[in-house]
Amino acid sequence: MPRAGLTRDRVAEEAAVMADEVGLSKLTLAALADRLGVRQPSLYKHIDSMASLHRDIAVHAKRELGGVLARASVGRSGADAISAMSRSYREWALQHPARYEASNFMPASGDVEDETVSLAAIQVIADVLTAYRLEGDDAVDAIRAFRSTLHGFVSFETAGAFALSADVNRSFERLVHGFIVALTQWTETDIPQPAGLDQS
């Protein structure tokens, strides 16, 4: 039986769940329509194409990840908040691999909704980092470093790249701890300017 009250958001939510099960690249409109109990042409009332569906999954995922980070950090500050956020980020990414992949899609130019949810997730991180009194470029550097640290670890982990015997959880905790230690000296470190590229 077709599902009553099918909406664009509902299609995106179900597509995100399905993508986590089969992989984002293997998600098809035909399979999604079957899962939703509708004929494939009915999906086009809510989406324009597979590309637009991927965009909607990305928006859904970014909003969800932002909520995960916000809930993890609420009532916490400093190192405690960063540790809690990091663990929640990793847990969510591992549980929802396709959603995590989509959450890293860049918004298309002029896509206000996508830009808004993208910035909202980053703002949660920025708010936590205010405990370290970072401003301007120092704050931007720290936000980028934090995101890169977590994304790099999670990407390797999901790809099965950690084959050595040491406990992966322990490695993650040490990585996060190292970042926290670095934050305490963030503005005290003399950053060398990159040398100009040799144009000869």
Protein backbone atom coordinates (compact mmCIF):
# COMPACT_ATOMS: atom_id res chain seq x y z
CA MET A 1 0.00 0.00 0.00
CA PRO A 2 1.29 3.50 -0.81
CA ARG A 3 2.28 5.48 2.21
CA ALA A 4 -0.06 8.35 3.01
CA GLY A 5 1.34 11.83 3.44
CA LEU A 6 4.56 11.29 1.49
CA THR A 7 6.63 14.49 1.45
CA ARG A 8 10.01 15.59 0.19
CA ASP A 9 11.43 15.38 3.72
CA ARG A 10 10.00 11.91 4.22
CA VAL A 11 11.51 10.74 0.94
CA ALA A 12 14.90 12.12 1.98
CA GLU A 13 14.70 10.49 5.41
CA GLU A 14 13.85 7.08 3.98
CA ALA A 15 16.48 7.46 1.27
CA ALA A 16 19.10 8.25 3.94
CA VAL A 17 18.21 5.11 5.88
CA MET A 18 18.33 3.01 2.73
CA ALA A 19 21.62 4.55 1.62
CA ASP A 20 23.19 3.59 4.96
CA GLU A 21 22.14 0.02 4.28
CA VAL A 22 23.26 -0.32 0.65
CA GLY A 23 25.70 2.54 0.09
CA LEU A 24 25.01 5.97 -1.35
CA SER A 25 26.33 5.06 -4.80
CA LYS A 26 24.05 1.99 -4.95
CA LEU A 27 20.87 3.80 -4.00
CA THR A 28 18.36 3.72 -6.86
CA LEU A 29 15.08 5.50 -7.36
CA ALA A 30 13.38 2.24 -8.31
CA ALA A 31 14.40 0.57 -5.05
CA LEU A 32 13.46 3.65 -3.04
CA ALA A 33 10.03 3.82 -4.65
CA ASP A 34 9.47 0.14 -3.86
CA ARG A 35 10.49 0.73 -0.25
CA LEU A 36 8.09 3.64 0.03
CA GLY A 37 5.27 1.65 -1.54
CA VAL A 38 4.82 3.93 -4.54
CA ARG A 39 5.57 3.76 -8.25
CA GLN A 40 8.78 5.44 -9.35
CA PRO A 41 7.02 8.29 -11.24
CA SER A 42 5.38 9.28 -7.95
CA LEU A 43 8.81 10.16 -6.54
CA TYR A 44 9.15 12.94 -9.08
CA LYS A 45 6.43 14.84 -7.24
CA HIS A 46 9.00 15.29 -4.47
CA ILE A 47 12.42 15.15 -6.18
CA ASP A 48 13.74 16.20 -9.57
CA SER A 49 16.52 13.66 -10.05
CA MET A 50 19.00 11.42 -8.28
CA ALA A 51 21.26 14.45 -7.91
CA SER A 52 18.51 16.36 -6.11
CA LEU A 53 17.88 13.34 -3.90
CA HIS A 54 21.56 13.26 -2.93
CA ARG A 55 21.32 16.95 -2.12
CA ASP A 56 18.29 16.34 0.10
CA ILE A 57 20.06 13.46 1.85
CA ALA A 58 23.01 15.80 2.45
CA VAL A 59 20.80 18.49 3.98
CA HIS A 60 19.08 15.89 6.16
CA ALA A 61 22.46 14.47 7.24
CA LYS A 62 24.01 17.85 8.03
CA ARG A 63 21.01 18.83 10.12
CA GLU A 64 21.16 15.51 11.96
CA LEU A 65 24.91 15.75 12.58
CA GLY A 66 24.54 19.31 13.85
CA GLY A 67 21.94 18.08 16.32
CA VAL A 68 24.21 15.24 17.43
CA LEU A 69 27.06 17.66 18.12
CA ALA A 70 24.80 20.13 19.91
CA ARG A 71 23.33 17.47 22.18
CA ALA A 72 26.79 16.10 22.96
CA SER A 73 28.13 19.50 23.99
CA VAL A 74 25.17 20.87 25.91
CA GLY A 75 26.02 21.53 29.55
CA ARG A 76 29.72 20.93 28.88
CA SER A 77 32.65 23.20 28.13
CA GLY A 78 36.29 23.10 27.15
CA ALA A 79 37.99 19.71 26.97
CA ASP A 80 34.90 17.90 28.25
CA ALA A 81 32.76 19.31 25.44
CA ILE A 82 35.36 18.57 22.76
CA SER A 83 35.76 14.97 23.93
CA ALA A 84 32.00 14.42 24.04
CA MET A 85 31.50 15.98 20.62
CA SER A 86 34.32 13.95 19.12
CA ARG A 87 32.95 10.65 20.40
CA SER A 88 29.44 11.48 19.21
CA TYR A 89 30.74 12.56 15.80
CA ARG A 90 32.63 9.30 15.35
CA GLU A 91 29.76 7.15 16.61
CA TRP A 92 27.25 8.83 14.31
CA ALA A 93 29.57 8.59 11.30
CA LEU A 94 30.21 4.89 11.87
CA GLN A 95 26.53 4.13 12.36
CA HIS A 96 25.47 6.13 9.31
CA PRO A 97 28.20 5.81 6.67
CA ALA A 98 26.16 7.07 3.72
CA ARG A 99 24.72 9.96 5.67
CA TYR A 100 28.22 10.84 6.82
CA GLU A 101 29.46 10.76 3.23
CA ALA A 102 26.62 13.06 2.18
CA SER A 103 27.24 15.42 5.09
CA ASN A 104 30.55 16.34 3.48
CA PHE A 105 28.99 17.44 0.20
CA MET A 106 29.51 21.14 -0.44
CA PRO A 107 26.34 23.22 -0.92
CA ALA A 108 25.63 24.41 -4.43
CA SER A 109 26.00 28.14 -4.90
CA GLY A 110 22.81 29.90 -3.84
CA ASP A 111 21.33 26.88 -2.03
CA VAL A 112 20.36 28.78 1.11
CA GLU A 113 18.92 25.81 2.99
CA ASP A 114 22.02 23.68 2.44
CA GLU A 115 24.33 26.57 3.32
CA THR A 116 22.35 27.25 6.50
CA VAL A 117 22.48 23.68 7.83
CA SER A 118 26.16 23.42 6.88
CA LEU A 119 27.02 26.52 8.85
CA ALA A 120 24.84 25.48 11.79
CA ALA A 121 26.90 22.35 12.39
CA ILE A 122 30.14 24.32 12.15
CA GLN A 123 28.75 26.93 14.55
CA VAL A 124 28.30 24.27 17.24
CA ILE A 125 32.03 23.56 17.00
CA ALA A 126 32.84 27.26 16.99
CA ASP A 127 30.75 27.80 20.11
CA VAL A 128 32.60 25.06 21.99
CA LEU A 129 35.98 26.46 20.96
CA THR A 130 35.13 29.85 22.47
CA ALA A 131 36.27 28.37 25.79
CA TYR A 132 39.81 28.71 24.44
CA ARG A 133 39.30 32.40 23.63
CA LEU A 134 40.29 32.04 20.00
CA GLU A 135 39.40 34.86 17.64
CA GLY A 136 39.61 35.62 13.95
CA ASP A 137 41.94 33.42 11.92
CA ASP A 138 43.02 31.54 15.06
CA ALA A 139 39.45 30.37 15.56
CA VAL A 140 39.04 29.44 11.90
CA ASP A 141 42.30 27.46 12.00
CA ALA A 142 41.10 25.57 15.07
CA ILE A 143 37.71 24.77 13.53
CA ARG A 144 39.38 23.48 10.37
CA ALA A 145 41.87 21.43 12.36
CA PHE A 146 39.14 19.89 14.51
CA ARG A 147 37.00 18.93 11.52
CA SER A 148 40.01 17.59 9.62
CA THR A 149 41.18 15.57 12.61
CA LEU A 150 37.85 13.83 13.06
CA HIS A 151 37.14 13.40 9.37
CA GLY A 152 40.57 11.94 8.68
CA PHE A 153 40.30 9.37 11.47
CA VAL A 154 36.73 8.37 10.64
CA SER A 155 37.49 8.12 6.91
CA PHE A 156 40.41 5.77 7.53
CA GLU A 157 38.39 3.76 10.02
CA THR A 158 35.39 3.26 7.74
CA ALA A 159 37.74 2.27 4.91
CA GLY A 160 39.25 -0.45 7.10
CA ALA A 161 42.67 1.19 6.98
CA PHE A 162 43.55 0.58 10.64
CA ALA A 163 44.97 -2.93 10.40
CA LEU A 164 47.60 -2.72 13.15
CA SER A 165 46.93 -4.46 16.47
CA ALA A 166 46.67 -1.40 18.74
CA ASP A 167 43.15 -0.66 19.96
CA VAL A 168 41.42 1.81 17.63
CA ASN A 169 39.36 3.35 20.43
CA ARG A 170 42.53 4.09 22.37
CA SER A 171 44.10 5.67 19.30
CA PHE A 172 41.03 7.87 18.84
CA GLU A 173 41.05 9.02 22.45
CA ARG A 174 44.75 9.91 22.21
CA LEU A 175 44.13 11.81 18.99
CA VAL A 176 41.38 13.89 20.59
CA HIS A 177 43.47 14.44 23.71
CA GLY A 178 46.37 15.61 21.55
CA PHE A 179 44.13 18.13 19.83
CA ILE A 180 42.90 19.42 23.18
CA VAL A 181 46.48 19.85 24.37
CA ALA A 182 47.31 21.71 21.16
CA LEU A 183 44.38 24.07 21.74
CA THR A 184 45.86 25.22 25.04
CA GLN A 185 48.88 26.54 23.13
CA TRP A 186 47.11 27.46 19.91
CA THR A 187 47.94 31.16 19.93
CA GLU A 188 51.41 30.69 21.43
CA THR A 189 52.82 28.74 18.51
CA ASP A 190 54.80 30.67 15.93
CA ILE A 191 53.37 29.54 12.60
CA PRO A 192 55.89 29.71 9.73
CA GLN A 193 54.64 31.37 6.59
CA PRO A 194 54.55 29.06 3.57
CA ALA A 195 57.28 29.74 1.07
CA GLY A 196 56.24 31.00 -2.34
CA LEU A 197 56.05 28.48 -5.14
CA ASP A 198 59.01 28.36 -7.48
CA GLN A 199 57.74 29.74 -10.78
CA SER A 200 60.98 29.09 -12.69
